[in-house]
Amino acid sequence: MTVTTPAENPAAMPAIDGRAAWRSADTATGNGVLTGVRVLDLSRVLAGPYTAQILADHGAEVIKVEAPTGDETRSWGPPFLESGASSAYYASLNHSKDNVVLDLRTDAGREILGHLLAGADIVVENFKAGTLARWGFDYESVLSARHPQMIYCRITGFGVDGPMGGLPGYDAVLQSFGGLMSINGYPDGNPLRVGIPIVDIVAANMAVSGILLAMLERGRSGQGQLVDITLLDSVLSLLHPHAANWMAGGTVPQRTGDFHPTVAPYQVFRAADGDFFVSAANNRQFRALTETLGLPGLAGDPRFTSNGDRYAHRDELVALLGERIAQCSREDLGRRLEEAGVPASPVHTVDEALQSEQARHRGLYIDDDDYRGIGVPIALGRSGHRRPRPAVPLGADTTAVLTAMGYGTDRIDELRAAGIFGNP
C-alpha cells in the first residue's frame, strides 16, 4: 500500500501539534524538577536510554521511539519480564517512558518524527553518525535553525569528526581503547573488562549533566544547543589517578588487582567467612586498624610509619594484616572497624547489597506489586521525583500519541496497514 506524504497530498493531513504528543506534560505535577519537560528518546541499547530514564525519574515526560524490530536489548536475556515482552536488561533502562514504534526508513515514519521533533524540548539520540542528516534532520544545519530552543544530546563512540569520527562505539571496545582494561585485573593476569558497562553508564550521567547545563544556559540566553557526548571522552575521564600519575611521573600505570596504586592497605582480604575490604588511607586510620586487630605495634614499626613506607613494604604488611583478618567474621570486624573510624566492608554480592537495610532505607531497592527494580539514586531536599513505572511493550503508546497529536483514526489505520508501526 502506498502511503501519501504531506508533499503529495497536503489536504489529506490534519493540523498536527507535536507538543500534544506528550499528553501529560502540561498536567503532571509533583514528579520532580523536570515536570513539564518534553524529551524525545531516539536512542537504543544503554547510554542514551539511561540518559532519558534519569530525566524521566525527575519528572520529564519521555517518549521513546523504536524501530519495528525494537531496541535490541529487549532480547538481551534471560531473564525476561512480562511473559517475555522484554528483558530485565531493557526494563532497567527504559522505565517511566511512553513508547512509539516508527519505521524511519519510510517517508511517513520520518514525517511523524518531524512532528515529534517539533514538540520536543530535549532530544537524545545515538544513531550512527550521519543517519539523521540523511533523513533531513541534521542538528547543525536544520534542527538548530528550525527549533532554536531545542537541546540536542548526541551520544557517539568517538565523535563525528577527527581521524576516528563516525566509528561505532561499544562499551568494551572503549574500555580497551581508552586504557581502562590495561589497569583492571591482577599483575600476572590478563587485562579485564570492568564487570559493568561502566563507560556507557558514565556517558549517560555526563549526558544528563550536559543537558542540565544547557537548560541552565537556555534560561539565560533563550537558545538551545548541542550536547556532544562521546564514549571516548567518558572513559578517559575515568582514569584517575592513573592518568595524573603518568603525566606527573612518566611511568605507565600497571594492573594492581584489588590493591590501590598509591595507598596501602587498601584492598580485599580473606576473612573467616568471606571476602572483606579494608582501607586505611591515613596514619590515624592505620593506627585504629592495627589496634582493632590487636596489632598496635605495627603503627610504630619503621616499615609502616607513613603511607609511603607502608606502600614500599606492602607485601609484608598485607601478610601480617591478612593473618589476623582471616580469624575474624566479616560482620563483627566490619562493626568494630566502623566504630573505630576505619573504612571497611564485607564484599557483598549483588543480592546482599540490594537487600541491605540501608539500601532499602534509601529507597534504592523497590519491590512491590507495581514495580521491582532500582529506585532513584539522586535525592533532592525539597523536590521529589517520579516513582518509577515499569517499561512498556514495544509500541504500546503509538496510537495514543498519534491521536493526541491530531492524527485521525483513518490515517492511523492507513499508516498501520502500510507497516509504518511494524508488521501489520
Protein backbone atom coordinates (compact mmCIF):
# COMPACT_ATOMS: atom_id res chain seq x y z
CA MET A 1 0.00 0.00 0.00
CA THR A 2 1.22 3.50 -0.84
CA VAL A 3 1.08 6.00 1.99
CA THR A 4 0.72 9.63 0.99
CA THR A 5 3.04 12.26 2.36
CA PRO A 6 2.21 15.93 3.04
CA ALA A 7 4.02 16.97 -0.13
CA GLU A 8 1.89 14.60 -2.19
CA ASN A 9 -1.43 15.48 -0.63
CA PRO A 10 -1.39 18.36 1.88
CA ALA A 11 -5.15 18.30 2.19
CA ALA A 12 -5.00 14.75 3.49
CA MET A 13 -3.19 15.86 6.63
CA PRO A 14 -4.91 17.39 9.65
CA ALA A 15 -3.28 20.11 11.71
CA ILE A 16 -0.67 18.30 13.76
CA ASP A 17 0.52 19.55 17.13
CA GLY A 18 3.82 17.91 18.03
CA ARG A 19 3.76 19.18 21.60
CA ALA A 20 0.46 17.40 22.20
CA ALA A 21 2.27 14.08 21.78
CA TRP A 22 3.43 14.45 25.39
CA ARG A 23 -0.07 14.10 26.74
CA SER A 24 0.71 14.55 30.42
CA ALA A 25 3.49 17.12 30.19
CA ASP A 26 1.20 20.06 30.98
CA THR A 27 -0.73 18.32 33.72
CA ALA A 28 1.90 16.24 35.54
CA THR A 29 2.68 17.68 38.96
CA GLY A 30 4.87 16.65 41.84
CA ASN A 31 7.06 14.33 39.78
CA GLY A 32 10.26 16.33 40.16
CA VAL A 33 12.14 19.39 39.00
CA LEU A 34 11.79 18.44 35.32
CA THR A 35 7.99 18.24 35.39
CA GLY A 36 6.64 19.58 32.09
CA VAL A 37 9.87 18.99 30.12
CA ARG A 38 9.34 17.02 26.90
CA VAL A 39 12.08 14.54 26.00
CA LEU A 40 12.27 12.59 22.74
CA ASP A 41 14.39 9.47 23.18
CA LEU A 42 15.67 8.27 19.80
CA SER A 43 18.38 6.12 21.33
CA ARG A 44 18.96 2.44 21.85
CA VAL A 45 21.00 0.00 23.95
CA LEU A 46 22.40 1.77 27.04
CA ALA A 47 23.91 5.27 27.25
CA GLY A 48 21.07 7.10 25.51
CA PRO A 49 18.18 5.18 27.08
CA TYR A 50 19.71 5.56 30.54
CA THR A 51 20.11 9.30 29.98
CA ALA A 52 16.43 9.65 29.12
CA GLN A 53 15.41 7.44 32.04
CA ILE A 54 17.28 9.63 34.52
CA LEU A 55 15.43 12.64 33.13
CA ALA A 56 12.14 10.74 33.46
CA ASP A 57 12.95 9.89 37.07
CA HIS A 58 12.93 13.62 37.82
CA GLY A 59 9.66 14.43 36.11
CA ALA A 60 10.41 14.79 32.41
CA GLU A 61 7.84 13.24 30.08
CA VAL A 62 9.76 10.88 27.79
CA ILE A 63 8.62 9.37 24.51
CA LYS A 64 10.93 6.62 23.28
CA VAL A 65 10.84 5.86 19.56
CA GLU A 66 11.88 2.38 18.49
CA ALA A 67 12.21 0.73 15.11
CA PRO A 68 9.72 -2.05 14.32
CA THR A 69 12.41 -4.56 15.26
CA GLY A 70 12.71 -2.91 18.68
CA ASP A 71 15.70 -1.89 20.74
CA GLU A 72 17.91 -4.97 20.57
CA THR A 73 18.28 -5.04 24.34
CA ARG A 74 14.67 -6.24 24.53
CA SER A 75 16.10 -9.63 23.53
CA TRP A 76 19.16 -9.50 25.82
CA GLY A 77 18.07 -12.22 28.20
CA PRO A 78 17.28 -14.32 30.04
CA PRO A 79 15.81 -13.26 32.32
CA PHE A 80 12.74 -11.84 30.60
CA LEU A 81 9.86 -9.94 32.18
CA GLU A 82 6.16 -9.62 31.43
CA SER A 83 5.88 -13.07 29.90
CA GLY A 84 8.73 -12.40 27.52
CA ALA A 85 7.72 -8.85 26.48
CA SER A 86 11.21 -7.57 27.27
CA SER A 87 14.40 -8.50 29.03
CA ALA A 88 15.37 -7.38 32.50
CA TYR A 89 18.24 -5.54 30.79
CA TYR A 90 15.84 -3.44 28.69
CA ALA A 91 13.39 -2.85 31.52
CA SER A 92 16.09 -1.43 33.80
CA LEU A 93 16.94 1.29 31.25
CA ASN A 94 13.52 2.25 29.94
CA HIS A 95 11.10 2.64 32.80
CA SER A 96 8.75 5.62 33.07
CA LYS A 97 8.65 6.22 29.28
CA ASP A 98 5.89 6.14 26.68
CA ASN A 99 6.76 4.02 23.66
CA VAL A 100 6.15 4.62 19.96
CA VAL A 101 7.18 2.44 17.02
CA LEU A 102 8.10 4.11 13.73
CA ASP A 103 9.80 2.78 10.64
CA LEU A 104 12.09 5.75 10.00
CA ARG A 105 13.21 4.28 6.70
CA THR A 106 9.87 5.44 5.27
CA ASP A 107 8.70 8.92 4.33
CA ALA A 108 5.64 8.56 6.54
CA GLY A 109 7.73 7.49 9.52
CA ARG A 110 10.03 10.47 9.09
CA GLU A 111 7.03 12.77 8.70
CA ILE A 112 5.81 11.70 12.15
CA LEU A 113 9.32 12.05 13.53
CA GLY A 114 9.40 15.62 12.27
CA HIS A 115 6.30 16.45 14.27
CA LEU A 116 7.74 14.82 17.37
CA LEU A 117 10.96 16.79 16.98
CA ALA A 118 8.95 19.99 16.70
CA GLY A 119 7.35 19.29 20.07
CA ALA A 120 10.43 18.22 21.99
CA ASP A 121 12.36 20.34 24.45
CA ILE A 122 15.21 17.81 24.58
CA VAL A 123 16.29 15.17 22.06
CA VAL A 124 18.58 12.25 22.94
CA GLU A 125 19.99 10.18 20.09
CA ASN A 126 22.85 7.79 19.42
CA PHE A 127 22.36 6.97 15.75
CA LYS A 128 25.38 6.19 13.63
CA ALA A 129 26.94 9.50 12.62
CA GLY A 130 25.17 11.00 9.60
CA THR A 131 21.96 8.95 9.85
CA LEU A 132 19.65 11.78 10.88
CA ALA A 133 21.34 14.13 8.41
CA ARG A 134 20.48 11.72 5.56
CA TRP A 135 16.88 11.83 6.73
CA GLY A 136 16.81 15.63 6.70
CA PHE A 137 17.15 16.15 10.46
CA ASP A 138 20.76 17.24 10.86
CA TYR A 139 21.02 19.29 14.04
CA GLU A 140 23.64 21.83 12.99
CA SER A 141 22.14 22.70 9.60
CA VAL A 142 18.43 22.02 10.08
CA LEU A 143 17.08 21.48 13.57
CA SER A 144 19.03 24.24 15.33
CA ALA A 145 17.52 26.81 12.95
CA ARG A 146 14.07 25.27 12.88
CA HIS A 147 13.88 24.76 16.67
CA PRO A 148 16.31 27.26 18.23
CA GLN A 149 15.38 26.38 21.82
CA MET A 150 15.93 22.64 21.35
CA ILE A 151 18.62 20.95 23.45
CA TYR A 152 20.04 18.18 21.33
CA CYS A 153 22.11 15.47 23.03
CA ARG A 154 24.17 13.36 20.66
CA ILE A 155 26.00 10.32 22.05
CA THR A 156 28.60 8.64 19.86
CA GLY A 157 31.58 6.37 20.30
CA PHE A 158 34.38 8.65 19.14
CA GLY A 159 32.62 11.80 17.94
CA VAL A 160 31.58 12.71 14.40
CA ASP A 161 34.89 14.14 13.17
CA GLY A 162 38.61 13.59 13.61
CA PRO A 163 40.55 10.51 12.46
CA MET A 164 38.09 8.13 14.16
CA GLY A 165 34.98 10.26 13.78
CA GLY A 166 31.88 8.30 12.90
CA LEU A 167 33.17 4.93 14.04
CA PRO A 168 30.69 2.96 16.14
CA GLY A 169 31.31 2.72 19.87
CA TYR A 170 30.81 -0.23 22.18
CA ASP A 171 31.44 -0.20 25.91
CA ALA A 172 34.01 -3.00 25.99
CA VAL A 173 35.80 -1.63 22.93
CA LEU A 174 36.13 1.76 24.63
CA GLN A 175 37.31 0.12 27.85
CA SER A 176 40.06 -1.41 25.74
CA PHE A 177 40.84 1.58 23.52
CA GLY A 178 40.63 4.07 26.37
CA GLY A 179 43.15 2.30 28.62
CA LEU A 180 40.69 1.16 31.28
CA MET A 181 41.24 -2.54 30.69
CA SER A 182 45.01 -2.10 30.99
CA ILE A 183 44.69 -1.08 34.65
CA ASN A 184 41.95 -3.54 35.62
CA GLY A 185 42.97 -7.02 36.74
CA TYR A 186 45.90 -8.62 38.51
CA PRO A 187 49.55 -8.03 37.55
CA ASP A 188 50.05 -11.63 36.46
CA GLY A 189 46.72 -11.90 34.66
CA ASN A 190 45.05 -10.59 31.53
CA PRO A 191 43.54 -7.11 31.22
CA LEU A 192 39.94 -7.33 32.40
CA ARG A 193 36.72 -5.65 31.34
CA VAL A 194 35.08 -3.90 34.29
CA GLY A 195 32.13 -6.10 35.27
CA ILE A 196 29.51 -3.48 34.37
CA PRO A 197 29.14 -1.32 31.23
CA ILE A 198 30.89 1.46 33.08
CA VAL A 199 31.72 3.61 30.04
CA ASP A 200 28.10 3.72 28.88
CA ILE A 201 26.88 4.44 32.40
CA VAL A 202 29.35 7.29 32.88
CA ALA A 203 28.47 8.66 29.43
CA ALA A 204 24.79 8.70 30.42
CA ASN A 205 25.48 10.60 33.61
CA MET A 206 27.67 13.06 31.72
CA ALA A 207 24.89 13.48 29.17
CA VAL A 208 22.41 14.32 31.92
CA SER A 209 24.88 16.84 33.36
CA GLY A 210 25.38 18.37 29.93
CA ILE A 211 21.65 18.61 29.30
CA LEU A 212 21.04 20.29 32.65
CA LEU A 213 23.89 22.73 31.99
CA ALA A 214 22.38 23.54 28.60
CA MET A 215 18.97 24.06 30.21
CA LEU A 216 20.53 26.47 32.71
CA GLU A 217 22.21 28.40 29.90
CA ARG A 218 19.00 28.39 27.84
CA GLY A 219 17.26 30.09 30.75
CA ARG A 220 19.69 32.98 30.30
CA SER A 221 20.03 33.14 26.52
CA GLY A 222 16.77 31.62 25.31
CA GLN A 223 18.79 29.37 22.99
CA GLY A 224 19.26 25.63 22.94
CA GLN A 225 22.49 23.93 21.90
CA LEU A 226 24.22 20.67 21.12
CA VAL A 227 25.35 18.45 24.00
CA ASP A 228 28.13 16.40 22.43
CA ILE A 229 28.93 13.25 24.46
CA THR A 230 31.32 10.51 23.40
CA LEU A 231 32.26 7.22 24.99
CA LEU A 232 35.91 8.08 24.41
CA ASP A 233 35.63 11.27 26.45
CA SER A 234 33.82 9.35 29.16
CA VAL A 235 36.37 6.56 29.53
CA LEU A 236 39.34 8.94 29.55
CA SER A 237 37.67 10.95 32.31
CA LEU A 238 37.63 7.79 34.43
CA LEU A 239 41.39 7.25 34.54
CA HIS A 240 42.04 8.94 37.87
CA PRO A 241 44.61 8.74 39.39
CA HIS A 242 46.39 6.74 36.70
CA ALA A 243 46.37 9.47 34.05
CA ALA A 244 47.59 12.08 36.54
CA ASN A 245 50.29 9.72 37.84
CA TRP A 246 51.58 9.09 34.31
CA MET A 247 51.55 12.79 33.43
CA ALA A 248 53.46 13.65 36.60
CA GLY A 249 55.85 10.71 36.83
CA GLY A 250 56.10 9.27 33.34
CA THR A 251 55.60 5.67 34.48
CA VAL A 252 52.92 3.77 32.59
CA PRO A 253 50.29 2.56 35.12
CA GLN A 254 50.04 -1.20 35.57
CA ARG A 255 47.38 -3.56 36.85
CA THR A 256 47.37 -3.89 40.63
CA GLY A 257 44.36 -6.16 41.18
CA ASP A 258 42.40 -5.08 44.24
CA PHE A 259 45.39 -3.07 45.55
CA HIS A 260 45.30 0.71 45.35
CA PRO A 261 48.02 2.17 43.09
CA THR A 262 49.20 4.65 45.76
CA VAL A 263 47.62 3.73 49.14
CA ALA A 264 48.31 0.80 51.49
CA PRO A 265 46.47 -1.00 52.94
CA TYR A 266 43.57 -0.53 50.53
CA GLN A 267 42.41 -3.92 49.30
CA VAL A 268 40.40 -7.09 49.81
CA PHE A 269 41.39 -9.57 52.50
CA ARG A 270 40.03 -13.02 53.21
CA ALA A 271 38.06 -13.12 56.46
CA ALA A 272 36.89 -16.29 58.20
CA ASP A 273 33.56 -16.28 56.34
CA GLY A 274 34.25 -14.45 53.09
CA ASP A 275 35.92 -11.50 51.43
CA PHE A 276 36.39 -8.25 53.31
CA PHE A 277 37.63 -4.86 52.07
CA VAL A 278 39.79 -2.55 54.20
CA SER A 279 41.01 0.98 53.55
CA ALA A 280 43.40 2.76 55.88
CA ALA A 281 44.30 5.80 53.84
CA ASN A 282 45.95 7.89 56.56
CA ASN A 283 48.00 7.37 59.71
CA ARG A 284 45.08 7.72 62.09
CA GLN A 285 43.07 5.08 60.25
CA PHE A 286 46.07 2.76 60.10
CA ARG A 287 46.66 3.09 63.84
CA ALA A 288 42.97 2.39 64.54
CA LEU A 289 43.09 -0.63 62.24
CA THR A 290 46.10 -2.14 63.99
CA GLU A 291 44.59 -1.53 67.43
CA THR A 292 41.28 -3.12 66.41
CA LEU A 293 43.11 -6.16 65.10
CA GLY A 294 45.23 -6.44 68.26
CA LEU A 295 48.42 -5.44 66.46
CA PRO A 296 49.15 -1.99 67.94
CA GLY A 297 52.91 -2.34 67.49
CA LEU A 298 52.61 -2.13 63.71
CA ALA A 299 51.74 1.56 63.78
CA GLY A 300 55.14 2.36 65.25
CA ASP A 301 57.10 -0.06 63.09
CA PRO A 302 59.52 1.96 60.88
CA ARG A 303 58.38 -0.06 57.87
CA PHE A 304 54.82 1.23 58.30
CA THR A 305 55.14 4.72 59.77
CA SER A 306 53.78 6.62 56.74
CA ASN A 307 51.75 5.69 53.70
CA GLY A 308 54.90 5.77 51.60
CA ASP A 309 56.58 3.34 53.99
CA ARG A 310 53.55 1.09 54.06
CA TYR A 311 53.35 1.07 50.27
CA ALA A 312 57.06 0.24 49.95
CA HIS A 313 56.61 -2.73 52.34
CA ARG A 314 53.12 -3.65 51.20
CA ASP A 315 53.71 -7.39 50.84
CA GLU A 316 54.99 -7.67 54.41
CA LEU A 317 52.13 -5.54 55.72
CA VAL A 318 49.47 -7.48 53.85
CA ALA A 319 50.78 -10.76 55.22
CA LEU A 320 50.65 -9.50 58.82
CA LEU A 321 47.18 -7.98 58.49
CA GLY A 322 45.81 -10.86 56.46
CA GLU A 323 46.77 -13.44 59.10
CA ARG A 324 44.72 -11.61 61.75
CA ILE A 325 41.77 -10.70 59.49
CA ALA A 326 41.45 -14.37 58.48
CA GLN A 327 40.45 -15.12 62.08
CA CYS A 328 37.55 -12.62 62.09
CA SER A 329 33.99 -12.81 60.86
CA ARG A 330 33.01 -10.19 58.30
CA GLU A 331 30.09 -8.67 60.19
CA ASP A 332 31.88 -8.49 63.55
CA LEU A 333 35.03 -7.00 62.07
CA GLY A 334 33.01 -4.57 59.99
CA ARG A 335 31.15 -3.35 63.07
CA ARG A 336 34.33 -2.92 65.10
CA LEU A 337 36.17 -1.08 62.34
CA GLU A 338 33.19 1.17 61.77
CA GLU A 339 33.24 2.11 65.45
CA ALA A 340 36.98 2.78 65.17
CA GLY A 341 36.53 5.05 62.14
CA VAL A 342 38.23 2.77 59.64
CA PRO A 343 36.57 2.48 56.20
CA ALA A 344 35.81 -1.20 55.65
CA SER A 345 33.04 -3.50 54.46
CA PRO A 346 32.20 -7.09 53.68
CA VAL A 347 32.37 -7.70 49.92
CA HIS A 348 28.66 -8.12 49.30
CA THR A 349 27.09 -9.99 46.44
CA VAL A 350 24.55 -8.05 44.36
CA ASP A 351 21.58 -9.55 46.21
CA GLU A 352 23.15 -8.76 49.58
CA ALA A 353 23.82 -5.16 48.56
CA LEU A 354 20.29 -4.55 47.22
CA GLN A 355 18.62 -6.08 50.26
CA SER A 356 20.76 -4.32 52.84
CA GLU A 357 18.82 -2.31 55.39
CA GLN A 358 20.45 0.93 54.30
CA ALA A 359 19.68 0.40 50.60
CA ARG A 360 16.05 -0.23 51.46
CA HIS A 361 16.00 2.76 53.81
CA ARG A 362 17.24 4.96 50.96
CA GLY A 363 14.58 3.63 48.62
CA LEU A 364 17.17 2.21 46.26
CA TYR A 365 15.53 -1.20 46.04
CA ILE A 366 11.80 -1.21 45.30
CA ASP A 367 9.92 -4.48 45.40
CA ASP A 368 6.14 -4.24 45.43
CA ASP A 369 3.12 -5.06 43.29
CA ASP A 370 3.68 -2.08 40.95
CA TYR A 371 7.43 -2.09 40.39
CA ARG A 372 10.50 -4.15 41.13
CA GLY A 373 13.82 -2.52 40.44
CA ILE A 374 16.36 0.09 41.42
CA GLY A 375 14.98 3.29 42.91
CA VAL A 376 16.01 6.83 42.01
CA PRO A 377 19.61 7.47 43.13
CA ILE A 378 19.51 11.30 43.05
CA ALA A 379 17.72 12.75 46.07
CA LEU A 380 16.90 16.45 46.42
CA GLY A 381 15.98 18.04 49.72
CA ARG A 382 12.83 19.91 48.67
CA SER A 383 11.93 18.42 45.30
CA GLY A 384 10.61 14.92 44.95
CA HIS A 385 10.97 12.59 42.00
CA ARG A 386 8.77 10.30 39.94
CA ARG A 387 8.12 6.85 41.29
CA PRO A 388 9.34 4.51 38.54
CA ARG A 389 6.73 2.75 36.47
CA PRO A 390 7.60 -0.39 34.52
CA ALA A 391 8.87 -0.30 30.95
CA VAL A 392 6.06 -0.92 28.46
CA PRO A 393 5.79 -3.28 25.48
CA LEU A 394 7.05 -2.23 22.07
CA GLY A 395 4.72 0.37 20.53
CA ALA A 396 2.35 0.41 23.48
CA ASP A 397 1.62 4.12 23.12
CA THR A 398 1.83 4.60 19.34
CA THR A 399 -1.88 5.05 18.73
CA ALA A 400 -2.45 7.25 21.76
CA VAL A 401 0.48 9.52 20.90
CA LEU A 402 -0.55 9.98 17.27
CA THR A 403 -4.17 10.57 18.28
CA ALA A 404 -3.11 13.22 20.77
CA MET A 405 -1.08 14.97 18.05
CA GLY A 406 -4.14 15.17 15.79
CA TYR A 407 -3.84 12.14 13.53
CA GLY A 408 -7.30 10.78 12.69
CA THR A 409 -8.34 7.18 13.04
CA ASP A 410 -8.38 6.60 9.29
CA ARG A 411 -4.89 8.00 8.88
CA ILE A 412 -3.54 5.90 11.75
CA ASP A 413 -5.13 2.78 10.27
CA GLU A 414 -3.58 3.62 6.89
CA LEU A 415 -0.15 4.00 8.45
CA ARG A 416 -0.55 0.78 10.41
CA ALA A 417 -1.61 -1.17 7.31
CA ALA A 418 1.44 0.15 5.48
CA GLY A 419 3.73 -1.20 8.21
CA ILE A 420 4.89 2.18 9.50
CA PHE A 421 4.38 0.85 13.05
CA GLY A 422 5.80 -2.57 12.32
CA ASN A 423 4.40 -5.73 10.82
CA PRO A 424 0.65 -5.10 10.40
